[in-house]
Amino acid sequence: PTKKGQVQHELVDDGAGVVFDVPKENLSTEVINNSKERHEFRFAQVFERDARQEDIFKAVALPTILSALDGFNGTIFAYGQTGSGKTFTITGGPERYEDRGIIPRTLSHLFSEFRRRSDYSYQMHVSYLEIYNESGYDLLDPSLEDNAKALEDLPRVSLQEDEDGNIHLRNLSAHQASSEEEALNFLFLGDTNRTTSETPMNLASSRSHCIFTVFLTATKHGSDVIRKSKIHLVDLAGSERVYKTGNAGTLLRESKF
């Protein structure tokens, strides 16, 4: 609802678009085309407000996961304004099992596929990187203690490019996960280190990128061929301009990472 009228919206029949009807009286004098009331936007997919985490996972993440198992790299990221639900979509909520986000569901599905694809032997390694103010930090470094640290005390990760143009993250640890439980423990550890390293001054959780990466190695029984792939699962910083939030730090989508 608005001061002058009601904005109506509806999904396009094919589920890949949304239409907004904005009454003329809602438009300010600054709008050039103030005679247009119907606005249609097209997307690959649009979800209703009552969509479940499972629905998002199946539509957004599952195709990428299956491709990674076949040897293709993939990236899934959440982008949007602070408070719009990015972290909930990627990581999930702590209270209900059905609120699990894309990362825990991805880990669970991968191990389920490992068991189903018995003609292959799989290995999984995971890493967890936080990027704040154009600096990278390893959230899974084994030297981290249980007590809270400042973000600057976490191990620094640097970006390097080799002579072939390949990008490498130096000082980012990767940890083998032999079970779903181990993989989830690494996710929990990284989220804990991210939370405890925040300070009221920088509110790093909303101004930082977090990248949880799953490295997969597959070997078919009876073959010497090793197939490698990786999945980046990314919770991006808030998309709004910093001056509107009052938070310290620079907008991270402009980061060199």
C-alpha atoms as a PDB file:
ATOM      1  CA  PRO A   1       0.000   0.000   0.000  1.00  0.00           C
ATOM      2  CA  THR A   2       1.061   3.608  -0.594  1.00  0.00           C
ATOM      3  CA  LYS A   3      -0.164   6.991   0.536  1.00  0.00           C
ATOM      4  CA  LYS A   4      -2.237   7.559  -2.590  1.00  0.00           C
ATOM      5  CA  GLY A   5      -3.172   4.077  -3.773  1.00  0.00           C
ATOM      6  CA  GLN A   6      -2.544   0.382  -3.847  1.00  0.00           C
ATOM      7  CA  VAL A   7       0.276  -1.197  -5.878  1.00  0.00           C
ATOM      8  CA  GLN A   8      -0.873  -4.529  -7.308  1.00  0.00           C
ATOM      9  CA  HIS A   9       1.413  -7.296  -8.507  1.00  0.00           C
ATOM     10  CA  GLU A  10       0.940 -10.698 -10.109  1.00  0.00           C
ATOM     11  CA  LEU A  11       3.108 -13.418 -11.591  1.00  0.00           C
ATOM     12  CA  VAL A  12       3.208 -13.991 -15.317  1.00  0.00           C
ATOM     13  CA  ASP A  13       1.540 -17.274 -16.277  1.00  0.00           C
ATOM     14  CA  ASP A  14       4.801 -19.038 -17.138  1.00  0.00           C
ATOM     15  CA  GLY A  15       6.248 -18.266 -13.697  1.00  0.00           C
ATOM     16  CA  ALA A  16       9.162 -16.359 -15.210  1.00  0.00           C
ATOM     17  CA  GLY A  17       7.982 -12.803 -14.766  1.00  0.00           C
ATOM     18  CA  VAL A  18       6.152 -10.410 -12.506  1.00  0.00           C
ATOM     19  CA  VAL A  19       3.836  -7.496 -13.359  1.00  0.00           C
ATOM     20  CA  PHE A  20       3.331  -4.400 -11.189  1.00  0.00           C
ATOM     21  CA  ASP A  21       0.354  -2.099 -11.598  1.00  0.00           C
ATOM     22  CA  VAL A  22       1.238   1.326 -10.206  1.00  0.00           C
ATOM     23  CA  PRO A  23      -1.630   3.872 -10.226  1.00  0.00           C
ATOM     24  CA  LYS A  24      -0.801   7.251 -11.755  1.00  0.00           C
ATOM     25  CA  GLU A  25      -1.511   9.044  -8.500  1.00  0.00           C
ATOM     26  CA  ASN A  26       1.405   7.139  -6.932  1.00  0.00           C
ATOM     27  CA  LEU A  27       3.922   8.550  -9.378  1.00  0.00           C
ATOM     28  CA  SER A  28       5.961  11.611  -8.512  1.00  0.00           C
ATOM     29  CA  THR A  29       6.410  14.542 -10.853  1.00  0.00           C
ATOM     30  CA  GLU A  30      10.019  13.407 -11.391  1.00  0.00           C
ATOM     31  CA  VAL A  31       8.892  10.370 -13.392  1.00  0.00           C
ATOM     32  CA  ILE A  32       9.218  11.080 -17.105  1.00  0.00           C
ATOM     33  CA  ASN A  33       6.788   8.467 -18.413  1.00  0.00           C
ATOM     34  CA  ASN A  34       4.062   9.049 -15.860  1.00  0.00           C
ATOM     35  CA  SER A  35       1.361   7.690 -18.165  1.00  0.00           C
ATOM     36  CA  LYS A  36       2.610   4.114 -17.804  1.00  0.00           C
ATOM     37  CA  GLU A  37       0.929   2.169 -15.041  1.00  0.00           C
ATOM     38  CA  ARG A  38       1.785  -1.446 -15.933  1.00  0.00           C
ATOM     39  CA  HIS A  39       5.389  -2.621 -15.537  1.00  0.00           C
ATOM     40  CA  GLU A  40       6.498  -6.148 -16.471  1.00  0.00           C
ATOM     41  CA  PHE A  41       9.841  -7.698 -15.515  1.00  0.00           C
ATOM     42  CA  ARG A  42      11.172 -11.016 -16.832  1.00  0.00           C
ATOM     43  CA  PHE A  43      13.362 -13.465 -14.917  1.00  0.00           C
ATOM     44  CA  ALA A  44      14.529 -17.046 -15.244  1.00  0.00           C
ATOM     45  CA  GLN A  45      12.154 -17.873 -12.372  1.00  0.00           C
ATOM     46  CA  VAL A  46       9.980 -15.985  -9.913  1.00  0.00           C
ATOM     47  CA  PHE A  47       8.919 -17.496  -6.571  1.00  0.00           C
ATOM     48  CA  GLU A  48       5.856 -16.648  -4.558  1.00  0.00           C
ATOM     49  CA  ARG A  49       6.241 -15.385  -0.993  1.00  0.00           C
ATOM     50  CA  ASP A  50       5.228 -18.746   0.425  1.00  0.00           C
ATOM     51  CA  ALA A  51       7.996 -20.611  -1.438  1.00  0.00           C
ATOM     52  CA  ARG A  52       9.885 -23.054   0.791  1.00  0.00           C
ATOM     53  CA  GLN A  53      13.625 -23.481   1.145  1.00  0.00           C
ATOM     54  CA  GLU A  54      13.250 -26.849  -0.579  1.00  0.00           C
ATOM     55  CA  ASP A  55      11.623 -25.178  -3.587  1.00  0.00           C
ATOM     56  CA  ILE A  56      14.487 -22.702  -3.921  1.00  0.00           C
ATOM     57  CA  PHE A  57      17.079 -25.460  -3.589  1.00  0.00           C
ATOM     58  CA  LYS A  58      15.535 -27.669  -6.263  1.00  0.00           C
ATOM     59  CA  ALA A  59      15.102 -24.852  -8.772  1.00  0.00           C
ATOM     60  CA  VAL A  60      18.299 -22.878  -8.155  1.00  0.00           C
ATOM     61  CA  ALA A  61      20.950 -25.188  -6.716  1.00  0.00           C
ATOM     62  CA  LEU A  62      20.207 -28.749  -7.769  1.00  0.00           C
ATOM     63  CA  PRO A  63      21.105 -28.364 -11.482  1.00  0.00           C
ATOM     64  CA  THR A  64      24.455 -26.810 -10.529  1.00  0.00           C
ATOM     65  CA  ILE A  65      25.185 -29.590  -8.040  1.00  0.00           C
ATOM     66  CA  LEU A  66      24.474 -32.332 -10.549  1.00  0.00           C
ATOM     67  CA  SER A  67      26.685 -30.578 -13.104  1.00  0.00           C
ATOM     68  CA  ALA A  68      29.521 -30.384 -10.561  1.00  0.00           C
ATOM     69  CA  LEU A  69      29.261 -34.125 -10.010  1.00  0.00           C
ATOM     70  CA  ASP A  70      29.781 -34.486 -13.760  1.00  0.00           C
ATOM     71  CA  GLY A  71      32.946 -32.361 -13.616  1.00  0.00           C
ATOM     72  CA  PHE A  72      31.688 -28.816 -14.242  1.00  0.00           C
ATOM     73  CA  ASN A  73      32.444 -25.866 -11.946  1.00  0.00           C
ATOM     74  CA  GLY A  74      29.496 -23.877 -10.646  1.00  0.00           C
ATOM     75  CA  THR A  75      28.635 -20.790  -8.597  1.00  0.00           C
ATOM     76  CA  ILE A  76      25.456 -19.929  -6.706  1.00  0.00           C
ATOM     77  CA  PHE A  77      25.156 -16.544  -5.028  1.00  0.00           C
ATOM     78  CA  ALA A  78      22.569 -14.448  -3.227  1.00  0.00           C
ATOM     79  CA  TYR A  79      22.469 -10.748  -4.082  1.00  0.00           C
ATOM     80  CA  GLY A  80      20.270  -8.043  -2.658  1.00  0.00           C
ATOM     81  CA  GLN A  81      19.689  -5.408  -0.026  1.00  0.00           C
ATOM     82  CA  THR A  82      20.721  -5.902   3.605  1.00  0.00           C
ATOM     83  CA  GLY A  83      17.913  -7.642   5.465  1.00  0.00           C
ATOM     84  CA  SER A  84      16.319  -9.098   2.329  1.00  0.00           C
ATOM     85  CA  GLY A  85      17.066 -12.715   3.316  1.00  0.00           C
ATOM     86  CA  LYS A  86      20.327 -13.562   1.529  1.00  0.00           C
ATOM     87  CA  THR A  87      21.954 -15.332   4.472  1.00  0.00           C
ATOM     88  CA  PHE A  88      18.734 -17.185   5.262  1.00  0.00           C
ATOM     89  CA  THR A  89      18.565 -18.429   1.665  1.00  0.00           C
ATOM     90  CA  ILE A  90      22.217 -19.485   1.525  1.00  0.00           C
ATOM     91  CA  THR A  91      22.742 -20.803   5.074  1.00  0.00           C
ATOM     92  CA  GLY A  92      19.268 -21.159   6.520  1.00  0.00           C
ATOM     93  CA  GLY A  93      17.573 -20.609   9.848  1.00  0.00           C
ATOM     94  CA  PRO A  94      18.733 -22.213  13.121  1.00  0.00           C
ATOM     95  CA  GLU A  95      15.374 -23.200  14.552  1.00  0.00           C
ATOM     96  CA  ARG A  96      13.634 -25.597  12.148  1.00  0.00           C
ATOM     97  CA  TYR A  97      15.118 -28.414  10.072  1.00  0.00           C
ATOM     98  CA  GLU A  98      13.036 -27.419   7.047  1.00  0.00           C
ATOM     99  CA  ASP A  99      14.637 -23.950   7.170  1.00  0.00           C
ATOM    100  CA  ARG A 100      18.017 -25.326   6.065  1.00  0.00           C
ATOM    101  CA  GLY A 101      19.514 -23.175   3.339  1.00  0.00           C
ATOM    102  CA  ILE A 102      21.305 -23.939   0.094  1.00  0.00           C
ATOM    103  CA  ILE A 103      24.701 -24.803   1.645  1.00  0.00           C
ATOM    104  CA  PRO A 104      23.545 -27.492   4.106  1.00  0.00           C
ATOM    105  CA  ARG A 105      21.157 -28.931   1.533  1.00  0.00           C
ATOM    106  CA  THR A 106      23.967 -29.019  -1.028  1.00  0.00           C
ATOM    107  CA  LEU A 107      26.254 -30.910   1.354  1.00  0.00           C
ATOM    108  CA  SER A 108      23.508 -33.390   2.201  1.00  0.00           C
ATOM    109  CA  HIS A 109      22.642 -33.998  -1.442  1.00  0.00           C
ATOM    110  CA  LEU A 110      26.273 -34.451  -2.457  1.00  0.00           C
ATOM    111  CA  PHE A 111      26.882 -37.201   0.065  1.00  0.00           C
ATOM    112  CA  SER A 112      23.626 -38.835  -0.960  1.00  0.00           C
ATOM    113  CA  GLU A 113      24.862 -38.818  -4.568  1.00  0.00           C
ATOM    114  CA  PHE A 114      28.250 -40.194  -3.487  1.00  0.00           C
ATOM    115  CA  ARG A 115      26.483 -43.237  -2.057  1.00  0.00           C
ATOM    116  CA  ARG A 116      24.221 -43.619  -5.070  1.00  0.00           C
ATOM    117  CA  ARG A 117      27.000 -43.353  -7.658  1.00  0.00           C
ATOM    118  CA  SER A 118      28.842 -46.420  -6.421  1.00  0.00           C
ATOM    119  CA  ASP A 119      30.910 -46.739  -9.600  1.00  0.00           C
ATOM    120  CA  TYR A 120      32.893 -43.662  -8.538  1.00  0.00           C
ATOM    121  CA  SER A 121      35.049 -42.830  -5.551  1.00  0.00           C
ATOM    122  CA  TYR A 122      34.557 -39.252  -4.321  1.00  0.00           C
ATOM    123  CA  GLN A 123      36.491 -36.933  -2.045  1.00  0.00           C
ATOM    124  CA  MET A 124      35.271 -33.593  -0.718  1.00  0.00           C
ATOM    125  CA  HIS A 125      37.246 -30.660   0.639  1.00  0.00           C
ATOM    126  CA  VAL A 126      35.729 -27.377   1.824  1.00  0.00           C
ATOM    127  CA  SER A 127      36.981 -23.846   2.410  1.00  0.00           C
ATOM    128  CA  TYR A 128      35.294 -20.750   3.839  1.00  0.00           C
ATOM    129  CA  LEU A 129      36.455 -17.275   2.834  1.00  0.00           C
ATOM    130  CA  GLU A 130      35.251 -13.894   4.064  1.00  0.00           C
ATOM    131  CA  ILE A 131      36.030 -10.719   2.100  1.00  0.00           C
ATOM    132  CA  TYR A 132      35.773  -7.393   3.886  1.00  0.00           C
ATOM    133  CA  ASN A 133      37.228  -4.041   2.798  1.00  0.00           C
ATOM    134  CA  GLU A 134      39.042  -5.737  -0.108  1.00  0.00           C
ATOM    135  CA  SER A 135      40.826  -8.137   2.258  1.00  0.00           C
ATOM    136  CA  GLY A 136      40.252 -11.886   2.475  1.00  0.00           C
ATOM    137  CA  TYR A 137      40.090 -13.881   5.724  1.00  0.00           C
ATOM    138  CA  ASP A 138      40.140 -17.638   6.287  1.00  0.00           C
ATOM    139  CA  LEU A 139      37.224 -18.630   8.523  1.00  0.00           C
ATOM    140  CA  LEU A 140      38.408 -22.249   8.835  1.00  0.00           C
ATOM    141  CA  ASP A 141      42.078 -21.810   9.711  1.00  0.00           C
ATOM    142  CA  PRO A 142      43.023 -24.615  12.146  1.00  0.00           C
ATOM    143  CA  SER A 143      44.960 -22.211  14.366  1.00  0.00           C
ATOM    144  CA  LEU A 144      41.800 -20.338  15.338  1.00  0.00           C
ATOM    145  CA  GLU A 145      40.868 -20.671  18.998  1.00  0.00           C
ATOM    146  CA  ASP A 146      37.399 -20.880  20.444  1.00  0.00           C
ATOM    147  CA  ASN A 147      37.505 -17.381  21.888  1.00  0.00           C
ATOM    148  CA  ALA A 148      36.220 -14.399  19.935  1.00  0.00           C
ATOM    149  CA  LYS A 149      38.680 -12.566  17.710  1.00  0.00           C
ATOM    150  CA  ALA A 150      38.641  -9.319  15.837  1.00  0.00           C
ATOM    151  CA  LEU A 151      38.199  -9.737  12.104  1.00  0.00           C
ATOM    152  CA  GLU A 152      41.717  -8.433  11.518  1.00  0.00           C
ATOM    153  CA  ASP A 153      43.106 -11.256  13.681  1.00  0.00           C
ATOM    154  CA  LEU A 154      41.844 -13.938  11.315  1.00  0.00           C
ATOM    155  CA  PRO A 155      44.395 -15.378   8.839  1.00  0.00           C
ATOM    156  CA  ARG A 156      44.730 -13.152   5.774  1.00  0.00           C
ATOM    157  CA  VAL A 157      44.093 -14.601   2.312  1.00  0.00           C
ATOM    158  CA  SER A 158      45.691 -12.991  -0.726  1.00  0.00           C
ATOM    159  CA  LEU A 159      44.768 -13.241  -4.394  1.00  0.00           C
ATOM    160  CA  GLN A 160      47.488 -14.129  -6.891  1.00  0.00           C
ATOM    161  CA  GLU A 161      47.553 -14.717 -10.627  1.00  0.00           C
ATOM    162  CA  ASP A 162      49.997 -17.169 -12.204  1.00  0.00           C
ATOM    163  CA  GLU A 163      51.725 -16.865 -15.573  1.00  0.00           C
ATOM    164  CA  ASP A 164      48.861 -18.725 -17.244  1.00  0.00           C
ATOM    165  CA  GLY A 165      46.286 -16.251 -15.975  1.00  0.00           C
ATOM    166  CA  ASN A 166      44.837 -18.603 -13.357  1.00  0.00           C
ATOM    167  CA  ILE A 167      43.715 -17.072 -10.067  1.00  0.00           C
ATOM    168  CA  HIS A 168      44.881 -18.604  -6.762  1.00  0.00           C
ATOM    169  CA  LEU A 169      43.905 -17.789  -3.194  1.00  0.00           C
ATOM    170  CA  ARG A 170      47.037 -17.971  -1.092  1.00  0.00           C
ATOM    171  CA  ASN A 171      46.763 -18.987   2.559  1.00  0.00           C
ATOM    172  CA  LEU A 172      43.174 -20.271   2.267  1.00  0.00           C
ATOM    173  CA  SER A 173      42.925 -23.631   3.996  1.00  0.00           C
ATOM    174  CA  ALA A 174      40.932 -26.549   2.545  1.00  0.00           C
ATOM    175  CA  HIS A 175      39.669 -29.329   4.797  1.00  0.00           C
ATOM    176  CA  GLN A 176      38.611 -32.824   3.889  1.00  0.00           C
ATOM    177  CA  ALA A 177      35.058 -33.756   4.852  1.00  0.00           C
ATOM    178  CA  SER A 178      34.432 -37.495   4.932  1.00  0.00           C
ATOM    179  CA  SER A 179      30.787 -37.242   5.951  1.00  0.00           C
ATOM    180  CA  GLU A 180      27.867 -34.868   5.881  1.00  0.00           C
ATOM    181  CA  GLU A 181      28.312 -34.290   9.609  1.00  0.00           C
ATOM    182  CA  GLU A 182      31.955 -33.234   9.167  1.00  0.00           C
ATOM    183  CA  ALA A 183      31.058 -30.878   6.321  1.00  0.00           C
ATOM    184  CA  LEU A 184      28.265 -29.277   8.359  1.00  0.00           C
ATOM    185  CA  ASN A 185      30.640 -28.873  11.302  1.00  0.00           C
ATOM    186  CA  PHE A 186      32.992 -26.876   9.077  1.00  0.00           C
ATOM    187  CA  LEU A 187      30.077 -24.687   7.983  1.00  0.00           C
ATOM    188  CA  PHE A 188      29.098 -24.136  11.619  1.00  0.00           C
ATOM    189  CA  LEU A 189      32.707 -23.353  12.584  1.00  0.00           C
ATOM    190  CA  GLY A 190      33.042 -20.789   9.803  1.00  0.00           C
ATOM    191  CA  ASP A 191      29.736 -19.121  10.673  1.00  0.00           C
ATOM    192  CA  THR A 192      30.791 -19.003  14.329  1.00  0.00           C
ATOM    193  CA  ASN A 193      34.157 -17.427  13.520  1.00  0.00           C
ATOM    194  CA  ARG A 194      32.419 -14.937  11.255  1.00  0.00           C
ATOM    195  CA  THR A 195      29.983 -13.947  13.984  1.00  0.00           C
ATOM    196  CA  THR A 196      32.507 -13.661  16.807  1.00  0.00           C
ATOM    197  CA  SER A 197      34.894 -11.584  14.710  1.00  0.00           C
ATOM    198  CA  GLU A 198      32.305  -8.865  14.060  1.00  0.00           C
ATOM    199  CA  THR A 199      32.475  -5.553  15.896  1.00  0.00           C
ATOM    200  CA  PRO A 200      29.745  -2.970  16.443  1.00  0.00           C
ATOM    201  CA  MET A 201      31.882  -0.482  14.521  1.00  0.00           C
ATOM    202  CA  ASN A 202      31.960  -2.285  11.167  1.00  0.00           C
ATOM    203  CA  LEU A 203      28.956  -4.653  11.211  1.00  0.00           C
ATOM    204  CA  ALA A 204      30.968  -6.976   8.991  1.00  0.00           C
ATOM    205  CA  SER A 205      28.176  -9.501   8.563  1.00  0.00           C
ATOM    206  CA  SER A 206      26.198  -7.171   6.282  1.00  0.00           C
ATOM    207  CA  ARG A 207      29.183  -5.526   4.591  1.00  0.00           C
ATOM    208  CA  SER A 208      31.194  -8.613   3.675  1.00  0.00           C
ATOM    209  CA  HIS A 209      31.105 -11.376   1.100  1.00  0.00           C
ATOM    210  CA  CYS A 210      31.314 -14.965   2.346  1.00  0.00           C
ATOM    211  CA  ILE A 211      32.267 -17.769  -0.046  1.00  0.00           C
ATOM    212  CA  PHE A 212      31.851 -21.404   0.991  1.00  0.00           C
ATOM    213  CA  THR A 213      33.591 -23.572  -1.605  1.00  0.00           C
ATOM    214  CA  VAL A 214      33.169 -27.317  -2.093  1.00  0.00           C
ATOM    215  CA  PHE A 215      35.995 -29.061  -3.960  1.00  0.00           C
ATOM    216  CA  LEU A 216      35.087 -32.418  -5.492  1.00  0.00           C
ATOM    217  CA  THR A 217      37.449 -35.134  -6.734  1.00  0.00           C
ATOM    218  CA  ALA A 218      35.970 -38.135  -8.559  1.00  0.00           C
ATOM    219  CA  THR A 219      37.705 -41.283  -9.743  1.00  0.00           C
ATOM    220  CA  LYS A 220      35.886 -44.046 -11.582  1.00  0.00           C
ATOM    221  CA  HIS A 221      36.712 -47.530 -10.303  1.00  0.00           C
ATOM    222  CA  GLY A 222      39.238 -49.210 -12.566  1.00  0.00           C
ATOM    223  CA  SER A 223      40.354 -45.905 -14.123  1.00  0.00           C
ATOM    224  CA  ASP A 224      43.321 -43.641 -13.420  1.00  0.00           C
ATOM    225  CA  VAL A 225      41.484 -40.541 -14.639  1.00  0.00           C
ATOM    226  CA  ILE A 226      40.807 -37.997 -11.876  1.00  0.00           C
ATOM    227  CA  ARG A 227      37.958 -35.535 -12.403  1.00  0.00           C
ATOM    228  CA  LYS A 228      37.915 -32.319 -10.367  1.00  0.00           C
ATOM    229  CA  SER A 229      35.249 -29.659  -9.951  1.00  0.00           C
ATOM    230  CA  LYS A 230      34.159 -27.064  -7.422  1.00  0.00           C
ATOM    231  CA  ILE A 231      31.035 -25.258  -6.294  1.00  0.00           C
ATOM    232  CA  HIS A 232      31.154 -21.715  -4.910  1.00  0.00           C
ATOM    233  CA  LEU A 233      28.242 -20.889  -2.606  1.00  0.00           C
ATOM    234  CA  VAL A 234      28.282 -17.143  -2.012  1.00  0.00           C
ATOM    235  CA  ASP A 235      26.514 -14.839   0.426  1.00  0.00           C
ATOM    236  CA  LEU A 236      27.216 -11.376  -1.009  1.00  0.00           C
ATOM    237  CA  ALA A 237      27.314  -8.114   0.903  1.00  0.00           C
ATOM    238  CA  GLY A 238      24.275  -5.858   0.938  1.00  0.00           C
ATOM    239  CA  SER A 239      23.749  -4.214  -2.425  1.00  0.00           C
ATOM    240  CA  GLU A 240      22.740  -0.779  -1.093  1.00  0.00           C
ATOM    241  CA  ARG A 241      25.152   2.125  -1.001  1.00  0.00           C
ATOM    242  CA  VAL A 242      27.179   2.464   2.190  1.00  0.00           C
ATOM    243  CA  TYR A 243      26.146   6.076   2.845  1.00  0.00           C
ATOM    244  CA  LYS A 244      22.527   4.906   3.148  1.00  0.00           C
ATOM    245  CA  THR A 245      23.382   2.374   5.863  1.00  0.00           C
ATOM    246  CA  GLY A 246      25.799   4.408   7.952  1.00  0.00           C
ATOM    247  CA  ASN A 247      28.095   1.375   8.167  1.00  0.00           C
ATOM    248  CA  ALA A 248      31.855   1.713   7.963  1.00  0.00           C
ATOM    249  CA  GLY A 249      33.719   0.094   5.083  1.00  0.00           C
ATOM    250  CA  THR A 250      33.530   0.194   1.313  1.00  0.00           C
ATOM    251  CA  LEU A 251      31.035  -1.469  -0.972  1.00  0.00           C
ATOM    252  CA  LEU A 252      32.432  -4.938  -1.453  1.00  0.00           C
ATOM    253  CA  ARG A 253      30.982  -5.729  -4.856  1.00  0.00           C
ATOM    254  CA  GLU A 254      33.713  -3.420  -6.149  1.00  0.00           C
ATOM    255  CA  SER A 255      36.383  -5.497  -4.416  1.00  0.00           C
ATOM    256  CA  LYS A 256      39.370  -6.793  -6.326  1.00  0.00           C
ATOM    257  CA  PHE A 257      38.397 -10.278  -5.172  1.00  0.00           C
END
